[in-house]
Amino acid sequence: MSALARRARAEWGPLFSTVRDGLATRRWRAVPMTLAAVCLTALFQYVQNQPWGFRFVQNIGCVRADDPLWLALLRTPLSLFVPALDLPVWGALAQLLIVFGIAEICLGRWRTLLIAYAATLAGTLYARVGIELGPGNFFGLPASDAQVVDTGPSAAVVGLAVFVCWRYRAYFTAALVTALMVVEVLVKNNLAGKEHLAAIAAVLVLCVLSAVRHRRGGTRSDRSDGSGPEGGGPGVKPPIQS
């Protein structure tokens, strides 16, 4: 086996095996939430492109920084599934199918939704902070961005990609995704790019909290079974679990 193949196997092997086994065992029943998300996004895309449906979708699922906070928080869950009007919808649907599907198999349905929502909410709240900082600050945004609709599914997709890669120790891939988002901001300094970075920052906090919780749980387990330092045996740490 070549060095490149060994590195690829070390990077993606555990993740690939989990996804392969999940699909082999349950097929499409392994990703019901993902399929529902794809269908909902396609439905929103159709409705918002109809003369009678544009305002409806805007009212229930589009978030702007100049919205009242309570209204933005109310709309944020559905904003995950409202695709951007200026981008091809097939891209959003493919991202949802692949990234949400992998996350649903690897993390479970509710954890996937929780992380996706946290990433999207981080972007939504960042937009307000960025506008307050103003365009003179690297983390700031121009006042005109208060009228720009938030990122839709993309912040959730980026956040989930980073979390799943961290969870399965595909650290190079997680770093690559983060680097690409930084390049996006450097090349095209807009609201969407900076919301992606805010989503990654929020997910990294979740990764740290998950690691701390696991470490504490592992320490208690070691002490209870005598395999840790107090038991005189070698403390063997189990794989990281979120």
Protein backbone atom coordinates (compact mmCIF):
# COMPACT_ATOMS: atom_id res chain seq x y z
CA MET A 1 0.00 0.00 0.00
CA SER A 2 1.42 3.40 -0.99
CA ALA A 3 2.07 6.18 1.53
CA LEU A 4 -0.75 8.25 0.02
CA ALA A 5 -3.21 5.38 0.34
CA ARG A 6 -2.20 4.79 3.96
CA ARG A 7 -2.72 8.46 4.77
CA ALA A 8 -6.10 8.48 3.05
CA ARG A 9 -7.14 5.36 4.94
CA ALA A 10 -6.00 6.85 8.24
CA GLU A 11 -7.84 10.10 7.48
CA TRP A 12 -11.13 8.77 6.14
CA GLY A 13 -11.15 5.05 6.95
CA PRO A 14 -13.22 5.13 10.18
CA LEU A 15 -15.66 7.66 8.71
CA PHE A 16 -16.06 5.72 5.47
CA SER A 17 -16.61 2.45 7.33
CA THR A 18 -19.31 3.96 9.53
CA VAL A 19 -21.19 5.44 6.59
CA ARG A 20 -20.80 2.30 4.48
CA ASP A 21 -22.05 0.03 7.26
CA GLY A 22 -24.97 2.33 8.04
CA LEU A 23 -26.12 2.42 4.42
CA ALA A 24 -25.52 -1.30 3.91
CA THR A 25 -27.61 -2.16 6.95
CA ARG A 26 -30.51 0.25 6.59
CA ARG A 27 -30.08 1.82 3.14
CA TRP A 28 -32.20 4.98 2.83
CA ARG A 29 -33.82 4.27 6.19
CA ALA A 30 -30.50 5.33 7.72
CA VAL A 31 -31.07 8.97 6.69
CA PRO A 32 -34.79 9.84 7.04
CA MET A 33 -34.09 13.29 8.47
CA THR A 34 -31.69 14.07 5.64
CA LEU A 35 -34.22 13.07 3.00
CA ALA A 36 -36.87 15.20 4.73
CA ALA A 37 -34.44 18.16 4.78
CA VAL A 38 -33.69 17.79 1.07
CA CYS A 39 -37.39 17.60 0.22
CA LEU A 40 -38.19 20.61 2.42
CA THR A 41 -35.40 22.65 0.83
CA ALA A 42 -36.61 21.74 -2.66
CA LEU A 43 -40.15 22.71 -1.66
CA PHE A 44 -39.02 26.08 -0.31
CA GLN A 45 -37.06 26.68 -3.50
CA TYR A 46 -40.14 26.02 -5.61
CA VAL A 47 -42.45 28.11 -3.45
CA GLN A 48 -40.16 31.14 -3.14
CA ASN A 49 -39.83 31.30 -6.92
CA GLN A 50 -43.59 31.62 -7.35
CA PRO A 51 -45.23 35.06 -7.32
CA TRP A 52 -47.59 33.90 -4.59
CA GLY A 53 -44.95 32.18 -2.47
CA PHE A 54 -41.97 34.52 -2.23
CA ARG A 55 -43.33 36.66 0.60
CA PHE A 56 -44.52 33.58 2.48
CA VAL A 57 -41.05 31.99 2.50
CA GLN A 58 -39.48 35.32 3.45
CA ASN A 59 -41.83 35.62 6.41
CA ILE A 60 -41.24 32.15 7.83
CA GLY A 61 -37.64 31.33 7.00
CA CYS A 62 -35.51 34.29 5.94
CA VAL A 63 -33.40 36.04 8.57
CA ARG A 64 -31.79 39.48 8.32
CA ALA A 65 -29.75 41.34 10.91
CA ASP A 66 -32.23 44.20 11.01
CA ASP A 67 -35.06 41.86 12.04
CA PRO A 68 -36.10 42.03 15.71
CA LEU A 69 -34.10 39.43 17.62
CA TRP A 70 -37.18 37.50 18.73
CA LEU A 71 -38.35 37.25 15.12
CA ALA A 72 -34.91 36.18 13.88
CA LEU A 73 -34.76 33.43 16.53
CA LEU A 74 -38.25 32.30 15.54
CA ARG A 75 -37.28 32.06 11.87
CA THR A 76 -33.81 30.53 12.33
CA PRO A 77 -34.84 26.84 12.51
CA LEU A 78 -36.56 27.01 9.11
CA SER A 79 -33.83 29.23 7.66
CA LEU A 80 -31.63 26.12 7.55
CA PHE A 81 -33.76 24.89 4.66
CA VAL A 82 -34.29 28.07 2.63
CA PRO A 83 -31.75 28.10 -0.23
CA ALA A 84 -30.18 31.33 -1.44
CA LEU A 85 -31.94 32.85 -4.41
CA ASP A 86 -28.70 33.83 -6.16
CA LEU A 87 -27.15 30.35 -6.10
CA PRO A 88 -28.14 27.15 -7.96
CA VAL A 89 -30.42 25.07 -5.79
CA TRP A 90 -28.81 21.79 -6.85
CA GLY A 91 -25.69 22.83 -4.95
CA ALA A 92 -27.62 23.30 -1.72
CA LEU A 93 -29.49 20.02 -2.21
CA ALA A 94 -26.25 18.11 -2.87
CA GLN A 95 -24.61 19.62 0.22
CA LEU A 96 -27.57 18.67 2.37
CA LEU A 97 -27.78 15.14 1.00
CA ILE A 98 -24.08 14.40 1.45
CA VAL A 99 -23.13 16.28 4.63
CA PHE A 100 -26.41 15.90 6.53
CA GLY A 101 -26.57 12.25 5.45
CA ILE A 102 -23.07 11.48 6.70
CA ALA A 103 -23.73 13.38 9.93
CA GLU A 104 -27.05 11.61 10.53
CA ILE A 105 -25.41 8.20 10.20
CA CYS A 106 -22.36 9.12 12.29
CA LEU A 107 -23.91 11.36 14.96
CA GLY A 108 -27.60 10.49 15.02
CA ARG A 109 -30.62 12.50 13.99
CA TRP A 110 -31.06 14.82 16.94
CA ARG A 111 -27.39 15.58 17.45
CA THR A 112 -27.11 16.44 13.76
CA LEU A 113 -30.03 18.85 14.03
CA LEU A 114 -28.63 20.39 17.22
CA ILE A 115 -25.21 21.05 15.70
CA ALA A 116 -26.73 22.35 12.47
CA TYR A 117 -28.94 24.74 14.43
CA ALA A 118 -26.05 25.89 16.64
CA ALA A 119 -23.93 26.65 13.57
CA THR A 120 -26.73 28.56 11.88
CA LEU A 121 -27.60 30.46 15.05
CA ALA A 122 -23.94 31.46 15.49
CA GLY A 123 -23.95 32.99 12.03
CA THR A 124 -27.24 34.77 12.68
CA LEU A 125 -26.02 36.31 15.92
CA TYR A 126 -22.60 37.16 14.49
CA ALA A 127 -24.22 39.27 11.76
CA ARG A 128 -25.65 41.60 14.41
CA VAL A 129 -22.32 41.89 16.20
CA GLY A 130 -20.45 42.44 12.93
CA ILE A 131 -22.71 45.30 11.91
CA GLU A 132 -22.22 46.92 15.32
CA LEU A 133 -18.43 46.66 14.88
CA GLY A 134 -18.63 48.31 11.48
CA PRO A 135 -16.59 47.89 8.29
CA GLY A 136 -13.44 49.39 9.85
CA ASN A 137 -12.98 46.27 11.98
CA PHE A 138 -11.71 43.00 10.46
CA PHE A 139 -14.63 41.18 12.10
CA GLY A 140 -17.07 43.94 11.21
CA LEU A 141 -19.65 44.32 8.47
CA PRO A 142 -21.08 47.29 6.57
CA ALA A 143 -24.49 48.55 7.63
CA SER A 144 -25.93 47.49 4.26
CA ASP A 145 -25.48 43.82 5.27
CA ALA A 146 -28.34 44.27 7.73
CA GLN A 147 -30.64 43.83 4.73
CA VAL A 148 -28.89 40.71 3.41
CA VAL A 149 -30.54 37.34 4.01
CA ASP A 150 -28.50 34.90 6.11
CA THR A 151 -26.69 31.94 4.60
CA GLY A 152 -29.46 29.32 4.62
CA PRO A 153 -28.19 25.71 4.71
CA SER A 154 -24.51 26.48 4.06
CA ALA A 155 -23.51 27.50 7.61
CA ALA A 156 -25.08 24.31 8.96
CA VAL A 157 -23.31 22.24 6.29
CA VAL A 158 -19.91 23.76 7.09
CA GLY A 159 -20.41 23.33 10.82
CA LEU A 160 -21.49 19.72 10.52
CA ALA A 161 -18.59 18.91 8.19
CA VAL A 162 -16.07 20.21 10.71
CA PHE A 163 -17.71 18.44 13.66
CA VAL A 164 -17.95 15.06 11.90
CA CYS A 165 -14.33 15.30 10.75
CA TRP A 166 -13.23 16.10 14.30
CA ARG A 167 -15.37 13.30 15.72
CA TYR A 168 -13.74 10.74 13.42
CA ARG A 169 -10.25 12.24 13.68
CA ALA A 170 -10.15 13.42 10.06
CA TYR A 171 -8.25 16.43 11.32
CA PHE A 172 -6.63 17.34 8.02
CA THR A 173 -10.03 17.49 6.32
CA ALA A 174 -11.46 19.63 9.12
CA ALA A 175 -8.49 21.98 8.82
CA LEU A 176 -8.90 22.07 5.03
CA VAL A 177 -12.58 23.02 5.29
CA THR A 178 -11.69 25.77 7.75
CA ALA A 179 -8.88 27.04 5.54
CA LEU A 180 -11.19 27.17 2.52
CA MET A 181 -13.67 29.26 4.50
CA VAL A 182 -10.87 31.66 5.50
CA VAL A 183 -9.81 31.95 1.85
CA GLU A 184 -13.45 32.61 0.92
CA VAL A 185 -13.49 35.61 3.28
CA LEU A 186 -10.12 36.89 2.01
CA VAL A 187 -11.21 36.63 -1.62
CA LYS A 188 -14.82 37.74 -1.19
CA ASN A 189 -15.30 39.57 2.07
CA ASN A 190 -19.07 39.24 2.46
CA LEU A 191 -21.66 38.30 5.05
CA ALA A 192 -21.95 34.66 3.99
CA GLY A 193 -18.23 33.99 4.29
CA LYS A 194 -17.96 35.50 7.74
CA GLU A 195 -21.06 33.66 8.91
CA HIS A 196 -19.36 30.44 7.83
CA LEU A 197 -16.39 31.30 10.03
CA ALA A 198 -18.75 32.10 12.92
CA ALA A 199 -20.40 28.69 12.42
CA ILE A 200 -17.00 26.97 12.52
CA ALA A 201 -16.05 28.87 15.69
CA ALA A 202 -19.27 27.73 17.38
CA VAL A 203 -18.71 24.12 16.33
CA LEU A 204 -15.12 24.18 17.61
CA VAL A 205 -16.49 25.26 20.99
CA LEU A 206 -18.85 22.27 20.86
CA CYS A 207 -15.88 20.02 20.03
CA VAL A 208 -13.97 21.28 23.06
CA LEU A 209 -16.99 20.83 25.35
CA SER A 210 -17.53 17.33 23.99
CA ALA A 211 -13.87 16.42 24.56
CA VAL A 212 -13.97 17.78 28.12
CA ARG A 213 -17.12 15.83 28.91
CA HIS A 214 -15.61 12.66 27.49
CA ARG A 215 -12.38 13.15 29.40
CA ARG A 216 -14.25 13.57 32.66
CA GLY A 217 -16.40 10.53 31.93
CA GLY A 218 -13.33 8.48 31.02
CA THR A 219 -11.56 9.50 34.23
CA ARG A 220 -14.52 8.43 36.36
CA SER A 221 -14.70 5.11 34.48
CA ASP A 222 -10.98 4.47 34.97
CA ARG A 223 -11.21 5.10 38.69
CA SER A 224 -14.27 2.95 39.15
CA ASP A 225 -12.80 -0.11 37.43
CA GLY A 226 -9.28 0.25 38.84
CA SER A 227 -7.64 0.70 35.45
CA GLY A 228 -6.57 4.30 36.05
CA PRO A 229 -3.77 5.66 38.19
CA GLU A 230 -5.59 4.89 41.43
CA GLY A 231 -6.13 1.30 40.43
CA GLY A 232 -2.48 0.71 39.67
CA GLY A 233 -3.13 -0.35 36.04
CA PRO A 234 -2.44 1.46 32.80
CA GLY A 235 -5.20 3.99 32.06
CA VAL A 236 -6.42 3.27 28.56
CA LYS A 237 -8.53 6.01 27.04
CA PRO A 238 -11.41 4.97 24.79
CA PRO A 239 -11.98 6.74 21.46
CA ILE A 240 -13.39 10.23 21.66
CA GLN A 241 -17.15 10.27 21.74
CA SER A 242 -19.28 13.34 21.56
